[in-house]
Amino acid sequence: MDINEISNAYHGKLASSKKVKEGNGFTQILEKRLTEINPTNLQTPRGANVDILKQSDKVLDLLDDYARELADPAKTLRDIEPLVESIKQEVGIIESVGSDKFHNDKDLERLIKDLAVTANVAMFKFHRGDYI
């Protein structure tokens, strides 16, 4: 076994795991994709899209925090429960806003639905006791 090959493979992985460049965040990529899909007929105002994307990003951040806390052996389920409740509240907000404003924008509606399903499944598993 050649040590140099192992070192080169390791450095190759480091290069591919660099952070995403500025301007290529979740919000920017999603907005770009939404305009590519339907550039002339966006059903919702731009401000509403930005608001729902910020709310979606907040839910995703909470889900990331939730995953980290589940992986931490020092955390108990009682310690994690407030986070689960905040996820529940944020998902409720995003679903209510989404059903009111985005019923004509199928792509954004699908994003909201997928995010809500993911969060609801995580909450259901928590309350069902899958992590005991």
C-alpha atoms as a PDB file:
ATOM      1  CA  MET A   1       0.000   0.000   0.000  1.00  0.00           C
ATOM      2  CA  ASP A   2       1.374   3.382  -1.002  1.00  0.00           C
ATOM      3  CA  ILE A   3       1.056   6.100   1.643  1.00  0.00           C
ATOM      4  CA  ASN A   4       1.129   8.834  -1.010  1.00  0.00           C
ATOM      5  CA  GLU A   5      -2.009   7.432  -2.659  1.00  0.00           C
ATOM      6  CA  ILE A   6      -3.838   7.564   0.659  1.00  0.00           C
ATOM      7  CA  SER A   7      -2.690  11.136   1.221  1.00  0.00           C
ATOM      8  CA  ASN A   8      -3.759  12.182  -2.292  1.00  0.00           C
ATOM      9  CA  ALA A   9      -7.165  10.566  -1.861  1.00  0.00           C
ATOM     10  CA  TYR A  10      -7.625  12.382   1.446  1.00  0.00           C
ATOM     11  CA  HIS A  11      -6.710  15.762  -0.064  1.00  0.00           C
ATOM     12  CA  GLY A  12      -9.051  15.106  -2.998  1.00  0.00           C
ATOM     13  CA  LYS A  13     -11.949  14.670  -0.592  1.00  0.00           C
ATOM     14  CA  LEU A  14     -11.066  17.865   1.236  1.00  0.00           C
ATOM     15  CA  ALA A  15     -11.210  19.873  -1.970  1.00  0.00           C
ATOM     16  CA  SER A  16     -14.695  18.608  -2.766  1.00  0.00           C
ATOM     17  CA  SER A  17     -16.067  19.372   0.688  1.00  0.00           C
ATOM     18  CA  LYS A  18     -15.412  23.109   0.588  1.00  0.00           C
ATOM     19  CA  LYS A  19     -18.200  25.435   1.662  1.00  0.00           C
ATOM     20  CA  VAL A  20     -20.685  26.677  -0.895  1.00  0.00           C
ATOM     21  CA  LYS A  21     -19.673  29.990  -2.386  1.00  0.00           C
ATOM     22  CA  GLU A  22     -21.516  33.116  -1.297  1.00  0.00           C
ATOM     23  CA  GLY A  23     -24.706  33.668  -3.279  1.00  0.00           C
ATOM     24  CA  ASN A  24     -25.349  29.968  -3.744  1.00  0.00           C
ATOM     25  CA  GLY A  25     -27.308  29.414  -0.550  1.00  0.00           C
ATOM     26  CA  PHE A  26     -30.593  27.595  -0.295  1.00  0.00           C
ATOM     27  CA  THR A  27     -32.670  30.724  -0.824  1.00  0.00           C
ATOM     28  CA  GLN A  28     -30.765  31.945  -3.866  1.00  0.00           C
ATOM     29  CA  ILE A  29     -30.735  28.548  -5.553  1.00  0.00           C
ATOM     30  CA  LEU A  30     -34.432  28.014  -4.934  1.00  0.00           C
ATOM     31  CA  GLU A  31     -35.376  31.480  -6.190  1.00  0.00           C
ATOM     32  CA  LYS A  32     -33.287  30.922  -9.311  1.00  0.00           C
ATOM     33  CA  ARG A  33     -34.947  27.566  -9.914  1.00  0.00           C
ATOM     34  CA  LEU A  34     -38.425  29.033  -9.414  1.00  0.00           C
ATOM     35  CA  THR A  35     -37.755  31.728 -12.010  1.00  0.00           C
ATOM     36  CA  GLU A  36     -36.360  29.133 -14.433  1.00  0.00           C
ATOM     37  CA  ILE A  37     -39.460  26.980 -14.096  1.00  0.00           C
ATOM     38  CA  ASN A  38     -41.948  29.753 -14.642  1.00  0.00           C
ATOM     39  CA  PRO A  39     -40.193  33.083 -15.327  1.00  0.00           C
ATOM     40  CA  THR A  40     -43.154  35.015 -16.711  1.00  0.00           C
ATOM     41  CA  ASN A  41     -45.963  33.821 -14.497  1.00  0.00           C
ATOM     42  CA  LEU A  42     -44.912  33.684 -10.868  1.00  0.00           C
ATOM     43  CA  GLN A  43     -48.182  33.486  -8.998  1.00  0.00           C
ATOM     44  CA  THR A  44     -46.960  35.118  -5.788  1.00  0.00           C
ATOM     45  CA  PRO A  45     -45.188  38.407  -5.167  1.00  0.00           C
ATOM     46  CA  ARG A  46     -41.424  38.259  -4.728  1.00  0.00           C
ATOM     47  CA  GLY A  47     -41.635  39.426  -1.107  1.00  0.00           C
ATOM     48  CA  ALA A  48     -43.936  36.539  -0.234  1.00  0.00           C
ATOM     49  CA  ASN A  49     -41.550  34.072  -1.872  1.00  0.00           C
ATOM     50  CA  VAL A  50     -38.652  35.438   0.149  1.00  0.00           C
ATOM     51  CA  ASP A  51     -40.681  35.230   3.365  1.00  0.00           C
ATOM     52  CA  ILE A  52     -41.675  31.623   2.794  1.00  0.00           C
ATOM     53  CA  LEU A  53     -38.091  30.735   1.845  1.00  0.00           C
ATOM     54  CA  LYS A  54     -36.787  32.316   5.045  1.00  0.00           C
ATOM     55  CA  GLN A  55     -39.388  30.402   7.038  1.00  0.00           C
ATOM     56  CA  SER A  56     -38.430  27.189   5.217  1.00  0.00           C
ATOM     57  CA  ASP A  57     -34.775  27.819   5.958  1.00  0.00           C
ATOM     58  CA  LYS A  58     -35.634  28.333   9.625  1.00  0.00           C
ATOM     59  CA  VAL A  59     -37.450  24.983   9.743  1.00  0.00           C
ATOM     60  CA  LEU A  60     -34.495  23.273   8.054  1.00  0.00           C
ATOM     61  CA  ASP A  61     -32.118  24.811  10.601  1.00  0.00           C
ATOM     62  CA  LEU A  62     -34.337  23.559  13.433  1.00  0.00           C
ATOM     63  CA  LEU A  63     -34.357  20.073  11.903  1.00  0.00           C
ATOM     64  CA  ASP A  64     -30.548  20.172  11.703  1.00  0.00           C
ATOM     65  CA  ASP A  65     -30.392  21.178  15.371  1.00  0.00           C
ATOM     66  CA  TYR A  66     -32.814  18.370  16.189  1.00  0.00           C
ATOM     67  CA  ALA A  67     -30.623  15.798  14.407  1.00  0.00           C
ATOM     68  CA  ARG A  68     -27.527  17.037  16.260  1.00  0.00           C
ATOM     69  CA  GLU A  69     -29.270  16.856  19.621  1.00  0.00           C
ATOM     70  CA  LEU A  70     -30.548  13.336  18.920  1.00  0.00           C
ATOM     71  CA  ALA A  71     -26.981  12.268  18.154  1.00  0.00           C
ATOM     72  CA  ASP A  72     -25.676  13.765  21.418  1.00  0.00           C
ATOM     73  CA  PRO A  73     -25.688  11.008  24.075  1.00  0.00           C
ATOM     74  CA  ALA A  74     -25.642  13.643  26.839  1.00  0.00           C
ATOM     75  CA  LYS A  75     -29.068  14.964  25.765  1.00  0.00           C
ATOM     76  CA  THR A  76     -32.225  13.381  27.114  1.00  0.00           C
ATOM     77  CA  LEU A  77     -35.552  13.384  25.342  1.00  0.00           C
ATOM     78  CA  ARG A  78     -36.758  15.929  27.897  1.00  0.00           C
ATOM     79  CA  ASP A  79     -33.929  18.210  26.849  1.00  0.00           C
ATOM     80  CA  ILE A  80     -34.911  17.868  23.189  1.00  0.00           C
ATOM     81  CA  GLU A  81     -38.675  18.293  23.633  1.00  0.00           C
ATOM     82  CA  PRO A  82     -38.669  22.142  23.554  1.00  0.00           C
ATOM     83  CA  LEU A  83     -36.925  21.993  20.192  1.00  0.00           C
ATOM     84  CA  VAL A  84     -39.547  19.567  18.899  1.00  0.00           C
ATOM     85  CA  GLU A  85     -42.282  21.954  20.025  1.00  0.00           C
ATOM     86  CA  SER A  86     -40.625  24.881  18.253  1.00  0.00           C
ATOM     87  CA  ILE A  87     -40.397  22.789  15.072  1.00  0.00           C
ATOM     88  CA  LYS A  88     -44.108  22.052  15.429  1.00  0.00           C
ATOM     89  CA  GLN A  89     -44.918  25.765  15.758  1.00  0.00           C
ATOM     90  CA  GLU A  90     -42.773  26.787  12.793  1.00  0.00           C
ATOM     91  CA  VAL A  91     -44.235  24.059  10.591  1.00  0.00           C
ATOM     92  CA  GLY A  92     -47.722  25.207  11.579  1.00  0.00           C
ATOM     93  CA  ILE A  93     -46.834  28.738  10.501  1.00  0.00           C
ATOM     94  CA  ILE A  94     -45.367  27.635   7.187  1.00  0.00           C
ATOM     95  CA  GLU A  95     -48.376  25.414   6.429  1.00  0.00           C
ATOM     96  CA  SER A  96     -50.890  28.149   7.208  1.00  0.00           C
ATOM     97  CA  VAL A  97     -49.018  30.748   5.174  1.00  0.00           C
ATOM     98  CA  GLY A  98     -48.505  28.278   2.357  1.00  0.00           C
ATOM     99  CA  SER A  99     -52.115  27.227   2.107  1.00  0.00           C
ATOM    100  CA  ASP A 100     -53.293  30.852   2.047  1.00  0.00           C
ATOM    101  CA  LYS A 101     -50.848  32.421  -0.391  1.00  0.00           C
ATOM    102  CA  PHE A 102     -49.341  29.758  -2.608  1.00  0.00           C
ATOM    103  CA  HIS A 103     -52.237  27.626  -3.783  1.00  0.00           C
ATOM    104  CA  ASN A 104     -51.569  28.714  -7.408  1.00  0.00           C
ATOM    105  CA  ASP A 105     -47.806  28.126  -7.314  1.00  0.00           C
ATOM    106  CA  LYS A 106     -47.456  24.342  -7.520  1.00  0.00           C
ATOM    107  CA  ASP A 107     -43.660  24.225  -7.099  1.00  0.00           C
ATOM    108  CA  LEU A 108     -43.648  26.338  -3.960  1.00  0.00           C
ATOM    109  CA  GLU A 109     -46.656  24.464  -2.648  1.00  0.00           C
ATOM    110  CA  ARG A 110     -44.783  21.176  -3.178  1.00  0.00           C
ATOM    111  CA  LEU A 111     -41.747  22.561  -1.304  1.00  0.00           C
ATOM    112  CA  ILE A 112     -43.951  23.514   1.632  1.00  0.00           C
ATOM    113  CA  LYS A 113     -45.679  20.146   1.600  1.00  0.00           C
ATOM    114  CA  ASP A 114     -42.394  18.184   1.463  1.00  0.00           C
ATOM    115  CA  LEU A 115     -40.887  20.228   4.273  1.00  0.00           C
ATOM    116  CA  ALA A 116     -43.988  19.836   6.417  1.00  0.00           C
ATOM    117  CA  VAL A 117     -44.099  16.077   5.840  1.00  0.00           C
ATOM    118  CA  THR A 118     -40.423  15.699   6.756  1.00  0.00           C
ATOM    119  CA  ALA A 119     -40.837  17.716   9.948  1.00  0.00           C
ATOM    120  CA  ASN A 120     -44.090  15.985  10.899  1.00  0.00           C
ATOM    121  CA  VAL A 121     -42.542  12.535  10.452  1.00  0.00           C
ATOM    122  CA  ALA A 122     -39.621  13.540  12.684  1.00  0.00           C
ATOM    123  CA  MET A 123     -42.026  14.833  15.352  1.00  0.00           C
ATOM    124  CA  PHE A 124     -44.207  11.730  15.091  1.00  0.00           C
ATOM    125  CA  LYS A 125     -41.201   9.451  15.582  1.00  0.00           C
ATOM    126  CA  PHE A 126     -40.115  11.517  18.583  1.00  0.00           C
ATOM    127  CA  HIS A 127     -43.520  11.328  20.248  1.00  0.00           C
ATOM    128  CA  ARG A 128     -43.961   7.657  19.349  1.00  0.00           C
ATOM    129  CA  GLY A 129     -40.743   6.870  21.219  1.00  0.00           C
ATOM    130  CA  ASP A 130     -38.519   5.688  18.368  1.00  0.00           C
ATOM    131  CA  TYR A 131     -35.489   7.269  20.042  1.00  0.00           C
ATOM    132  CA  ILE A 132     -35.775   5.670  23.480  1.00  0.00           C
END
